Amino acid sequence: MRLIVVAFLLAAGVGAAFVATARHSSAKTSRTGSASFVAEARGLPQPERPALTVGQPRLLNRGETRARFAPVLRAAIARSEPSRTAVAVAPLERETSEGTSNIVLVIGARHRPDGTWVRVRLPVLPNDRTGWVPRRTLGGYEFVHTYLVVDRARLTATLFRDGRDVFSAPVGVGKAGSPTPAGQFYVRDRLNGFGNPFYGPIAFGTSARSAVLTDWPDGGFVGIHGTNEPALLPGRVSHGCIRLRNADILRLARLMPVGTPLTIR
């Protein structure tokens, strides 16, 4: 019996020594691992300081103006009211006749049981037409703060940004037999690289259409472009398009994005 007790005590002592050794080894390993981790961390590049900078608050601009437009994602039929059963007004295609993405200026919205409908300006005759299309047929909204006014009496084009005049230049407009149409429109696309210097370096396509030159290719859309005859400006010299001197159209192109609302008066 005494031998059994002694053996038990010896076993207990060995076990305790093993546990103590294991704990010491574990602590040593932990300290070694921690030291290695700290050393690696010190070798990493310092974070940006500060990582986040909060800007100074500013008052909203009371003169800010915004217009929204969206690309046509799916061919659709614009209707007279926000309803599938309303009278069809005009078709909307995904691309323009120039092969660019077709966009529409959005001027209203209405929520219905069958989804949201939006009211858009249409690039069709008669000019100034609007229609309703399901919101899902259009892409995401984009916003512009610019607004172009072409004055046919004063023969000027003026660009506003948030209500402030940022550009003005003399223009050429349509002759008496092919007048530039009046109304509310928008800039649909932007084109350059013409082989013919008649159009200048850059042209903007608009949603306005000639009411008399309907036999023109693609239906007589009114453009805003340069000219190789600057001496004719200002004046009533075109078939309905709006002409600017080349230096002026280049300056306008730096200021006016596609989607800009256009008033011709």
C-alpha atoms as a PDB file:
ATOM      1  CA  MET A   1       0.000   0.000   0.000  1.00  0.00           C
ATOM      2  CA  ARG A   2       2.844   2.363   0.908  1.00  0.00           C
ATOM      3  CA  LEU A   3       4.486   1.594  -2.436  1.00  0.00           C
ATOM      4  CA  ILE A   4       1.276   2.493  -4.300  1.00  0.00           C
ATOM      5  CA  VAL A   5       1.008   5.851  -2.507  1.00  0.00           C
ATOM      6  CA  VAL A   6       4.630   6.667  -3.268  1.00  0.00           C
ATOM      7  CA  ALA A   7       4.123   5.757  -6.927  1.00  0.00           C
ATOM      8  CA  PHE A   8       1.015   7.957  -7.092  1.00  0.00           C
ATOM      9  CA  LEU A   9       2.868  10.930  -5.598  1.00  0.00           C
ATOM     10  CA  LEU A  10       5.744  10.477  -8.015  1.00  0.00           C
ATOM     11  CA  ALA A  11       3.334  10.347 -10.955  1.00  0.00           C
ATOM     12  CA  ALA A  12       1.573  13.443  -9.708  1.00  0.00           C
ATOM     13  CA  GLY A  13       4.885  15.278  -9.409  1.00  0.00           C
ATOM     14  CA  VAL A  14       5.907  14.330 -12.924  1.00  0.00           C
ATOM     15  CA  GLY A  15       2.507  15.441 -14.272  1.00  0.00           C
ATOM     16  CA  ALA A  16       2.758  18.766 -12.487  1.00  0.00           C
ATOM     17  CA  ALA A  17       6.250  19.288 -13.840  1.00  0.00           C
ATOM     18  CA  PHE A  18       5.022  18.442 -17.364  1.00  0.00           C
ATOM     19  CA  VAL A  19       2.122  20.893 -17.083  1.00  0.00           C
ATOM     20  CA  ALA A  20       4.442  23.608 -15.774  1.00  0.00           C
ATOM     21  CA  THR A  21       6.891  22.964 -18.581  1.00  0.00           C
ATOM     22  CA  ALA A  22       4.094  23.007 -21.158  1.00  0.00           C
ATOM     23  CA  ARG A  23       2.740  26.255 -19.775  1.00  0.00           C
ATOM     24  CA  HIS A  24       6.189  27.809 -19.827  1.00  0.00           C
ATOM     25  CA  SER A  25       6.766  26.614 -23.390  1.00  0.00           C
ATOM     26  CA  SER A  26       3.343  27.904 -24.472  1.00  0.00           C
ATOM     27  CA  ALA A  27       3.963  31.268 -22.869  1.00  0.00           C
ATOM     28  CA  LYS A  28       7.373  31.449 -24.510  1.00  0.00           C
ATOM     29  CA  THR A  29       5.872  30.553 -27.892  1.00  0.00           C
ATOM     30  CA  SER A  30       3.104  33.135 -27.394  1.00  0.00           C
ATOM     31  CA  ARG A  31       5.651  35.809 -26.524  1.00  0.00           C
ATOM     32  CA  THR A  32       7.746  34.850 -29.526  1.00  0.00           C
ATOM     33  CA  GLY A  33       4.685  34.932 -31.833  1.00  0.00           C
ATOM     34  CA  SER A  34       3.585  38.302 -30.448  1.00  0.00           C
ATOM     35  CA  ALA A  35       7.050  39.740 -30.918  1.00  0.00           C
ATOM     36  CA  SER A  36       7.106  38.476 -34.514  1.00  0.00           C
ATOM     37  CA  PHE A  37       3.679  39.956 -35.219  1.00  0.00           C
ATOM     38  CA  VAL A  38       4.709  43.329 -33.755  1.00  0.00           C
ATOM     39  CA  ALA A  39       7.889  43.308 -35.823  1.00  0.00           C
ATOM     40  CA  GLU A  40       5.909  42.604 -39.010  1.00  0.00           C
ATOM     41  CA  ALA A  41       3.368  45.298 -38.169  1.00  0.00           C
ATOM     42  CA  ARG A  42       6.120  47.853 -37.685  1.00  0.00           C
ATOM     43  CA  GLY A  43       7.331  47.087 -41.202  1.00  0.00           C
ATOM     44  CA  LEU A  44       3.976  47.976 -42.793  1.00  0.00           C
ATOM     45  CA  PRO A  45       3.511  51.466 -44.346  1.00  0.00           C
ATOM     46  CA  GLN A  46       1.855  54.033 -42.132  1.00  0.00           C
ATOM     47  CA  PRO A  47      -1.865  54.666 -42.791  1.00  0.00           C
ATOM     48  CA  GLU A  48      -3.017  57.926 -44.285  1.00  0.00           C
ATOM     49  CA  ARG A  49      -3.526  60.547 -41.621  1.00  0.00           C
ATOM     50  CA  PRO A  50      -6.270  61.372 -41.330  1.00  0.00           C
ATOM     51  CA  ALA A  51      -7.915  58.434 -43.099  1.00  0.00           C
ATOM     52  CA  LEU A  52     -11.148  60.442 -43.482  1.00  0.00           C
ATOM     53  CA  THR A  53     -11.449  64.180 -43.788  1.00  0.00           C
ATOM     54  CA  VAL A  54     -14.832  65.777 -43.158  1.00  0.00           C
ATOM     55  CA  GLY A  55     -15.336  68.754 -45.423  1.00  0.00           C
ATOM     56  CA  GLN A  56     -16.567  72.129 -44.292  1.00  0.00           C
ATOM     57  CA  PRO A  57     -20.356  72.496 -44.458  1.00  0.00           C
ATOM     58  CA  ARG A  58     -21.667  74.895 -47.075  1.00  0.00           C
ATOM     59  CA  LEU A  59     -25.008  76.517 -47.707  1.00  0.00           C
ATOM     60  CA  LEU A  60     -27.108  75.201 -50.563  1.00  0.00           C
ATOM     61  CA  ASN A  61     -27.018  77.326 -53.690  1.00  0.00           C
ATOM     62  CA  ARG A  62     -30.441  78.905 -54.012  1.00  0.00           C
ATOM     63  CA  GLY A  63     -29.798  79.523 -57.702  1.00  0.00           C
ATOM     64  CA  GLU A  64     -29.015  75.871 -58.422  1.00  0.00           C
ATOM     65  CA  THR A  65     -30.971  74.360 -61.285  1.00  0.00           C
ATOM     66  CA  ARG A  66     -30.990  70.727 -62.323  1.00  0.00           C
ATOM     67  CA  ALA A  67     -32.435  68.864 -65.248  1.00  0.00           C
ATOM     68  CA  ARG A  68     -32.455  65.091 -65.504  1.00  0.00           C
ATOM     69  CA  PHE A  69     -32.214  62.793 -68.470  1.00  0.00           C
ATOM     70  CA  ALA A  70     -31.891  59.062 -69.006  1.00  0.00           C
ATOM     71  CA  PRO A  71     -30.903  56.706 -71.838  1.00  0.00           C
ATOM     72  CA  VAL A  72     -33.530  54.521 -73.471  1.00  0.00           C
ATOM     73  CA  LEU A  73     -32.667  50.942 -72.469  1.00  0.00           C
ATOM     74  CA  ARG A  74     -35.592  49.224 -74.168  1.00  0.00           C
ATOM     75  CA  ALA A  75     -37.594  50.290 -77.186  1.00  0.00           C
ATOM     76  CA  ALA A  76     -40.894  51.664 -75.938  1.00  0.00           C
ATOM     77  CA  ILE A  77     -44.071  53.431 -76.977  1.00  0.00           C
ATOM     78  CA  ALA A  78     -44.626  56.837 -75.414  1.00  0.00           C
ATOM     79  CA  ARG A  79     -48.270  57.335 -74.472  1.00  0.00           C
ATOM     80  CA  SER A  80     -50.508  60.301 -73.844  1.00  0.00           C
ATOM     81  CA  GLU A  81     -51.131  59.274 -70.224  1.00  0.00           C
ATOM     82  CA  PRO A  82     -49.270  57.047 -67.736  1.00  0.00           C
ATOM     83  CA  SER A  83     -51.245  53.945 -68.708  1.00  0.00           C
ATOM     84  CA  ARG A  84     -50.711  50.944 -70.974  1.00  0.00           C
ATOM     85  CA  THR A  85     -54.121  51.586 -72.552  1.00  0.00           C
ATOM     86  CA  ALA A  86     -53.542  55.306 -73.274  1.00  0.00           C
ATOM     87  CA  VAL A  87     -53.182  56.585 -76.831  1.00  0.00           C
ATOM     88  CA  ALA A  88     -49.777  55.947 -78.389  1.00  0.00           C
ATOM     89  CA  VAL A  89     -47.869  59.174 -79.100  1.00  0.00           C
ATOM     90  CA  ALA A  90     -44.561  58.042 -80.596  1.00  0.00           C
ATOM     91  CA  PRO A  91     -42.064  55.170 -80.537  1.00  0.00           C
ATOM     92  CA  LEU A  92     -38.766  55.508 -78.669  1.00  0.00           C
ATOM     93  CA  GLU A  93     -35.742  53.592 -79.947  1.00  0.00           C
ATOM     94  CA  ARG A  94     -32.531  52.723 -78.112  1.00  0.00           C
ATOM     95  CA  GLU A  95     -30.304  54.561 -80.599  1.00  0.00           C
ATOM     96  CA  THR A  96     -30.432  57.798 -82.531  1.00  0.00           C
ATOM     97  CA  SER A  97     -30.131  57.930 -86.301  1.00  0.00           C
ATOM     98  CA  GLU A  98     -26.428  58.816 -85.775  1.00  0.00           C
ATOM     99  CA  GLY A  99     -25.858  55.562 -83.893  1.00  0.00           C
ATOM    100  CA  THR A 100     -25.496  57.198 -80.482  1.00  0.00           C
ATOM    101  CA  SER A 101     -27.405  56.221 -77.351  1.00  0.00           C
ATOM    102  CA  ASN A 102     -30.877  57.742 -77.431  1.00  0.00           C
ATOM    103  CA  ILE A 103     -31.671  59.871 -74.398  1.00  0.00           C
ATOM    104  CA  VAL A 104     -34.830  61.614 -73.226  1.00  0.00           C
ATOM    105  CA  LEU A 105     -35.279  64.621 -70.979  1.00  0.00           C
ATOM    106  CA  VAL A 106     -37.425  63.696 -67.979  1.00  0.00           C
ATOM    107  CA  ILE A 107     -39.889  66.371 -66.893  1.00  0.00           C
ATOM    108  CA  GLY A 108     -42.222  64.495 -64.556  1.00  0.00           C
ATOM    109  CA  ALA A 109     -43.084  61.227 -62.845  1.00  0.00           C
ATOM    110  CA  ARG A 110     -46.157  59.472 -61.505  1.00  0.00           C
ATOM    111  CA  HIS A 111     -46.475  56.348 -59.390  1.00  0.00           C
ATOM    112  CA  ARG A 112     -49.154  53.901 -60.529  1.00  0.00           C
ATOM    113  CA  PRO A 113     -50.237  50.429 -59.382  1.00  0.00           C
ATOM    114  CA  ASP A 114     -48.370  48.900 -62.340  1.00  0.00           C
ATOM    115  CA  GLY A 115     -45.157  50.832 -61.574  1.00  0.00           C
ATOM    116  CA  THR A 116     -43.646  54.266 -62.015  1.00  0.00           C
ATOM    117  CA  TRP A 117     -44.198  56.200 -65.236  1.00  0.00           C
ATOM    118  CA  VAL A 118     -42.140  59.198 -66.353  1.00  0.00           C
ATOM    119  CA  ARG A 119     -43.033  62.049 -68.650  1.00  0.00           C
ATOM    120  CA  VAL A 120     -40.385  62.834 -71.261  1.00  0.00           C
ATOM    121  CA  ARG A 121     -39.769  65.240 -74.104  1.00  0.00           C
ATOM    122  CA  LEU A 122     -39.974  63.526 -77.483  1.00  0.00           C
ATOM    123  CA  PRO A 123     -37.800  64.138 -80.568  1.00  0.00           C
ATOM    124  CA  VAL A 124     -40.776  63.974 -82.943  1.00  0.00           C
ATOM    125  CA  LEU A 125     -43.014  66.182 -85.028  1.00  0.00           C
ATOM    126  CA  PRO A 126     -44.934  68.220 -84.230  1.00  0.00           C
ATOM    127  CA  ASN A 127     -42.316  69.830 -82.004  1.00  0.00           C
ATOM    128  CA  ASP A 128     -42.828  70.279 -78.269  1.00  0.00           C
ATOM    129  CA  ARG A 129     -44.527  66.894 -77.854  1.00  0.00           C
ATOM    130  CA  THR A 130     -44.238  64.934 -74.625  1.00  0.00           C
ATOM    131  CA  GLY A 131     -45.269  61.429 -73.623  1.00  0.00           C
ATOM    132  CA  TRP A 132     -45.265  58.901 -70.797  1.00  0.00           C
ATOM    133  CA  VAL A 133     -43.113  55.753 -70.671  1.00  0.00           C
ATOM    134  CA  PRO A 134     -42.583  53.118 -67.945  1.00  0.00           C
ATOM    135  CA  ARG A 135     -39.617  54.037 -65.776  1.00  0.00           C
ATOM    136  CA  ARG A 136     -38.083  50.582 -66.260  1.00  0.00           C
ATOM    137  CA  THR A 137     -37.563  51.236 -69.986  1.00  0.00           C
ATOM    138  CA  LEU A 138     -34.994  53.922 -69.124  1.00  0.00           C
ATOM    139  CA  GLY A 139     -31.560  53.743 -67.551  1.00  0.00           C
ATOM    140  CA  GLY A 140     -30.281  55.644 -64.540  1.00  0.00           C
ATOM    141  CA  TYR A 141     -30.856  59.355 -64.248  1.00  0.00           C
ATOM    142  CA  GLU A 142     -28.077  61.810 -65.006  1.00  0.00           C
ATOM    143  CA  PHE A 143     -28.244  65.468 -64.063  1.00  0.00           C
ATOM    144  CA  VAL A 144     -27.079  68.680 -65.708  1.00  0.00           C
ATOM    145  CA  HIS A 145     -26.993  72.218 -64.348  1.00  0.00           C
ATOM    146  CA  THR A 146     -26.905  73.946 -67.719  1.00  0.00           C
ATOM    147  CA  TYR A 147     -29.606  75.490 -69.902  1.00  0.00           C
ATOM    148  CA  LEU A 148     -29.194  76.871 -73.451  1.00  0.00           C
ATOM    149  CA  VAL A 149     -31.313  79.656 -74.917  1.00  0.00           C
ATOM    150  CA  VAL A 150     -31.233  80.495 -78.625  1.00  0.00           C
ATOM    151  CA  ASP A 151     -32.846  83.842 -79.432  1.00  0.00           C
ATOM    152  CA  ARG A 152     -33.863  84.014 -83.094  1.00  0.00           C
ATOM    153  CA  ALA A 153     -34.657  87.734 -82.931  1.00  0.00           C
ATOM    154  CA  ARG A 154     -31.330  88.758 -81.387  1.00  0.00           C
ATOM    155  CA  LEU A 155     -29.410  86.000 -83.185  1.00  0.00           C
ATOM    156  CA  THR A 156     -27.626  84.877 -80.025  1.00  0.00           C
ATOM    157  CA  ALA A 157     -27.021  81.680 -78.089  1.00  0.00           C
ATOM    158  CA  THR A 158     -26.644  81.980 -74.314  1.00  0.00           C
ATOM    159  CA  LEU A 159     -25.698  79.199 -71.922  1.00  0.00           C
ATOM    160  CA  PHE A 160     -26.688  79.382 -68.274  1.00  0.00           C
ATOM    161  CA  ARG A 161     -25.330  77.329 -65.406  1.00  0.00           C
ATOM    162  CA  ASP A 162     -27.423  77.417 -62.238  1.00  0.00           C
ATOM    163  CA  GLY A 163     -29.091  80.547 -63.555  1.00  0.00           C
ATOM    164  CA  ARG A 164     -25.835  82.386 -64.312  1.00  0.00           C
ATOM    165  CA  ASP A 165     -24.778  83.426 -67.815  1.00  0.00           C
ATOM    166  CA  VAL A 166     -21.531  81.562 -68.624  1.00  0.00           C
ATOM    167  CA  PHE A 167     -21.460  81.770 -72.431  1.00  0.00           C
ATOM    168  CA  SER A 168     -22.863  83.957 -75.185  1.00  0.00           C
ATOM    169  CA  ALA A 169     -22.150  84.119 -78.910  1.00  0.00           C
ATOM    170  CA  PRO A 170     -23.730  85.278 -82.184  1.00  0.00           C
ATOM    171  CA  VAL A 171     -25.419  82.595 -84.261  1.00  0.00           C
ATOM    172  CA  GLY A 172     -26.889  81.886 -87.629  1.00  0.00           C
ATOM    173  CA  VAL A 173     -30.445  80.511 -87.775  1.00  0.00           C
ATOM    174  CA  GLY A 174     -32.858  79.343 -90.433  1.00  0.00           C
ATOM    175  CA  LYS A 175     -33.905  81.365 -93.445  1.00  0.00           C
ATOM    176  CA  ALA A 176     -37.502  82.480 -93.889  1.00  0.00           C
ATOM    177  CA  GLY A 177     -38.323  79.430 -96.011  1.00  0.00           C
ATOM    178  CA  SER A 178     -36.683  76.989 -93.584  1.00  0.00           C
ATOM    179  CA  PRO A 179     -36.965  78.545 -90.138  1.00  0.00           C
ATOM    180  CA  THR A 180     -35.379  77.191 -86.989  1.00  0.00           C
ATOM    181  CA  PRO A 181     -38.353  75.886 -84.969  1.00  0.00           C
ATOM    182  CA  ALA A 182     -39.297  77.499 -81.664  1.00  0.00           C
ATOM    183  CA  GLY A 183     -40.037  75.446 -78.576  1.00  0.00           C
ATOM    184  CA  GLN A 184     -38.648  73.465 -75.669  1.00  0.00           C
ATOM    185  CA  PHE A 185     -36.046  70.863 -76.615  1.00  0.00           C
ATOM    186  CA  TYR A 186     -32.830  69.263 -75.360  1.00  0.00           C
ATOM    187  CA  VAL A 187     -29.353  68.326 -76.585  1.00  0.00           C
ATOM    188  CA  ARG A 188     -29.444  64.647 -77.616  1.00  0.00           C
ATOM    189  CA  ASP A 189     -25.884  63.876 -78.672  1.00  0.00           C
ATOM    190  CA  ARG A 190     -22.492  65.241 -79.628  1.00  0.00           C
ATOM    191  CA  LEU A 191     -20.575  64.426 -82.828  1.00  0.00           C
ATOM    192  CA  ASN A 192     -17.197  65.330 -84.293  1.00  0.00           C
ATOM    193  CA  GLY A 193     -14.706  64.158 -86.883  1.00  0.00           C
ATOM    194  CA  PHE A 194     -16.654  65.355 -89.921  1.00  0.00           C
ATOM    195  CA  GLY A 195     -15.035  65.030 -93.302  1.00  0.00           C
ATOM    196  CA  ASN A 196     -16.933  68.126 -94.472  1.00  0.00           C
ATOM    197  CA  PRO A 197     -15.729  71.463 -93.013  1.00  0.00           C
ATOM    198  CA  PHE A 198     -19.239  72.849 -93.558  1.00  0.00           C
ATOM    199  CA  TYR A 199     -20.230  71.536 -90.114  1.00  0.00           C
ATOM    200  CA  GLY A 200     -17.150  72.782 -88.281  1.00  0.00           C
ATOM    201  CA  PRO A 201     -15.228  70.768 -85.672  1.00  0.00           C
ATOM    202  CA  ILE A 202     -18.152  69.750 -83.428  1.00  0.00           C
ATOM    203  CA  ALA A 203     -21.903  69.378 -83.782  1.00  0.00           C
ATOM    204  CA  PHE A 204     -24.647  68.805 -81.238  1.00  0.00           C
ATOM    205  CA  GLY A 205     -27.823  67.012 -82.219  1.00  0.00           C
ATOM    206  CA  THR A 206     -31.036  68.299 -80.646  1.00  0.00           C
ATOM    207  CA  SER A 207     -34.568  66.985 -80.279  1.00  0.00           C
ATOM    208  CA  ALA A 208     -35.888  69.838 -82.465  1.00  0.00           C
ATOM    209  CA  ARG A 209     -36.961  68.983 -85.996  1.00  0.00           C
ATOM    210  CA  SER A 210     -37.579  71.038 -89.086  1.00  0.00           C
ATOM    211  CA  ALA A 211     -41.256  71.274 -89.943  1.00  0.00           C
ATOM    212  CA  VAL A 212     -40.516  71.928 -93.632  1.00  0.00           C
ATOM    213  CA  LEU A 213     -37.481  69.776 -94.506  1.00  0.00           C
ATOM    214  CA  THR A 214     -39.095  66.491 -93.562  1.00  0.00           C
ATOM    215  CA  ASP A 215     -37.588  64.776 -96.611  1.00  0.00           C
ATOM    216  CA  TRP A 216     -34.080  65.239 -95.234  1.00  0.00           C
ATOM    217  CA  PRO A 217     -32.246  62.115 -94.071  1.00  0.00           C
ATOM    218  CA  ASP A 218     -33.519  61.061 -90.624  1.00  0.00           C
ATOM    219  CA  GLY A 219     -36.305  63.615 -90.712  1.00  0.00           C
ATOM    220  CA  GLY A 220     -34.545  66.976 -90.532  1.00  0.00           C
ATOM    221  CA  PHE A 221     -33.190  67.127 -86.978  1.00  0.00           C
ATOM    222  CA  VAL A 222     -31.893  70.556 -86.008  1.00  0.00           C
ATOM    223  CA  GLY A 223     -28.214  70.646 -85.109  1.00  0.00           C
ATOM    224  CA  ILE A 224     -25.949  73.142 -83.381  1.00  0.00           C
ATOM    225  CA  HIS A 225     -22.618  73.211 -85.201  1.00  0.00           C
ATOM    226  CA  GLY A 226     -19.679  75.231 -86.479  1.00  0.00           C
ATOM    227  CA  THR A 227     -19.211  76.668 -89.948  1.00  0.00           C
ATOM    228  CA  ASN A 228     -16.621  77.262 -92.636  1.00  0.00           C
ATOM    229  CA  GLU A 229     -18.298  80.589 -93.476  1.00  0.00           C
ATOM    230  CA  PRO A 230     -17.983  82.658 -90.280  1.00  0.00           C
ATOM    231  CA  ALA A 231     -18.458  85.928 -92.167  1.00  0.00           C
ATOM    232  CA  LEU A 232     -22.146  85.062 -92.602  1.00  0.00           C
ATOM    233  CA  LEU A 233     -22.776  85.186 -88.842  1.00  0.00           C
ATOM    234  CA  PRO A 234     -24.894  86.468 -87.284  1.00  0.00           C
ATOM    235  CA  GLY A 235     -27.705  86.070 -89.757  1.00  0.00           C
ATOM    236  CA  ARG A 236     -30.559  84.015 -91.139  1.00  0.00           C
ATOM    237  CA  VAL A 237     -28.491  81.774 -93.310  1.00  0.00           C
ATOM    238  CA  SER A 238     -29.253  78.095 -92.616  1.00  0.00           C
ATOM    239  CA  HIS A 239     -31.818  75.444 -93.459  1.00  0.00           C
ATOM    240  CA  GLY A 240     -32.876  75.426 -89.817  1.00  0.00           C
ATOM    241  CA  CYS A 241     -29.696  74.454 -87.978  1.00  0.00           C
ATOM    242  CA  ILE A 242     -27.995  76.797 -85.523  1.00  0.00           C
ATOM    243  CA  ARG A 243     -24.506  77.808 -86.665  1.00  0.00           C
ATOM    244  CA  LEU A 244     -21.701  79.211 -84.526  1.00  0.00           C
ATOM    245  CA  ARG A 245     -18.200  80.307 -85.418  1.00  0.00           C
ATOM    246  CA  ASN A 246     -15.770  77.453 -84.892  1.00  0.00           C
ATOM    247  CA  ALA A 247     -14.024  79.097 -81.943  1.00  0.00           C
ATOM    248  CA  ASP A 248     -17.414  79.620 -80.283  1.00  0.00           C
ATOM    249  CA  ILE A 249     -18.656  76.050 -80.805  1.00  0.00           C
ATOM    250  CA  LEU A 250     -15.403  74.733 -79.313  1.00  0.00           C
ATOM    251  CA  ARG A 251     -15.861  76.979 -76.298  1.00  0.00           C
ATOM    252  CA  LEU A 252     -19.491  75.917 -75.952  1.00  0.00           C
ATOM    253  CA  ALA A 253     -18.485  72.250 -76.152  1.00  0.00           C
ATOM    254  CA  ARG A 254     -16.303  72.696 -73.069  1.00  0.00           C
ATOM    255  CA  LEU A 255     -19.243  74.060 -71.103  1.00  0.00           C
ATOM    256  CA  MET A 256     -22.365  72.275 -72.333  1.00  0.00           C
ATOM    257  CA  PRO A 257     -22.952  68.554 -71.649  1.00  0.00           C
ATOM    258  CA  VAL A 258     -25.339  66.298 -73.512  1.00  0.00           C
ATOM    259  CA  GLY A 259     -28.764  66.377 -71.857  1.00  0.00           C
ATOM    260  CA  THR A 260     -28.834  70.175 -71.564  1.00  0.00           C
ATOM    261  CA  PRO A 261     -32.358  71.627 -71.968  1.00  0.00           C
ATOM    262  CA  LEU A 262     -32.737  73.963 -74.945  1.00  0.00           C
ATOM    263  CA  THR A 263     -35.184  76.808 -75.498  1.00  0.00           C
ATOM    264  CA  ILE A 264     -35.485  78.279 -78.988  1.00  0.00           C
ATOM    265  CA  ARG A 265     -37.523  81.454 -79.017  1.00  0.00           C
END
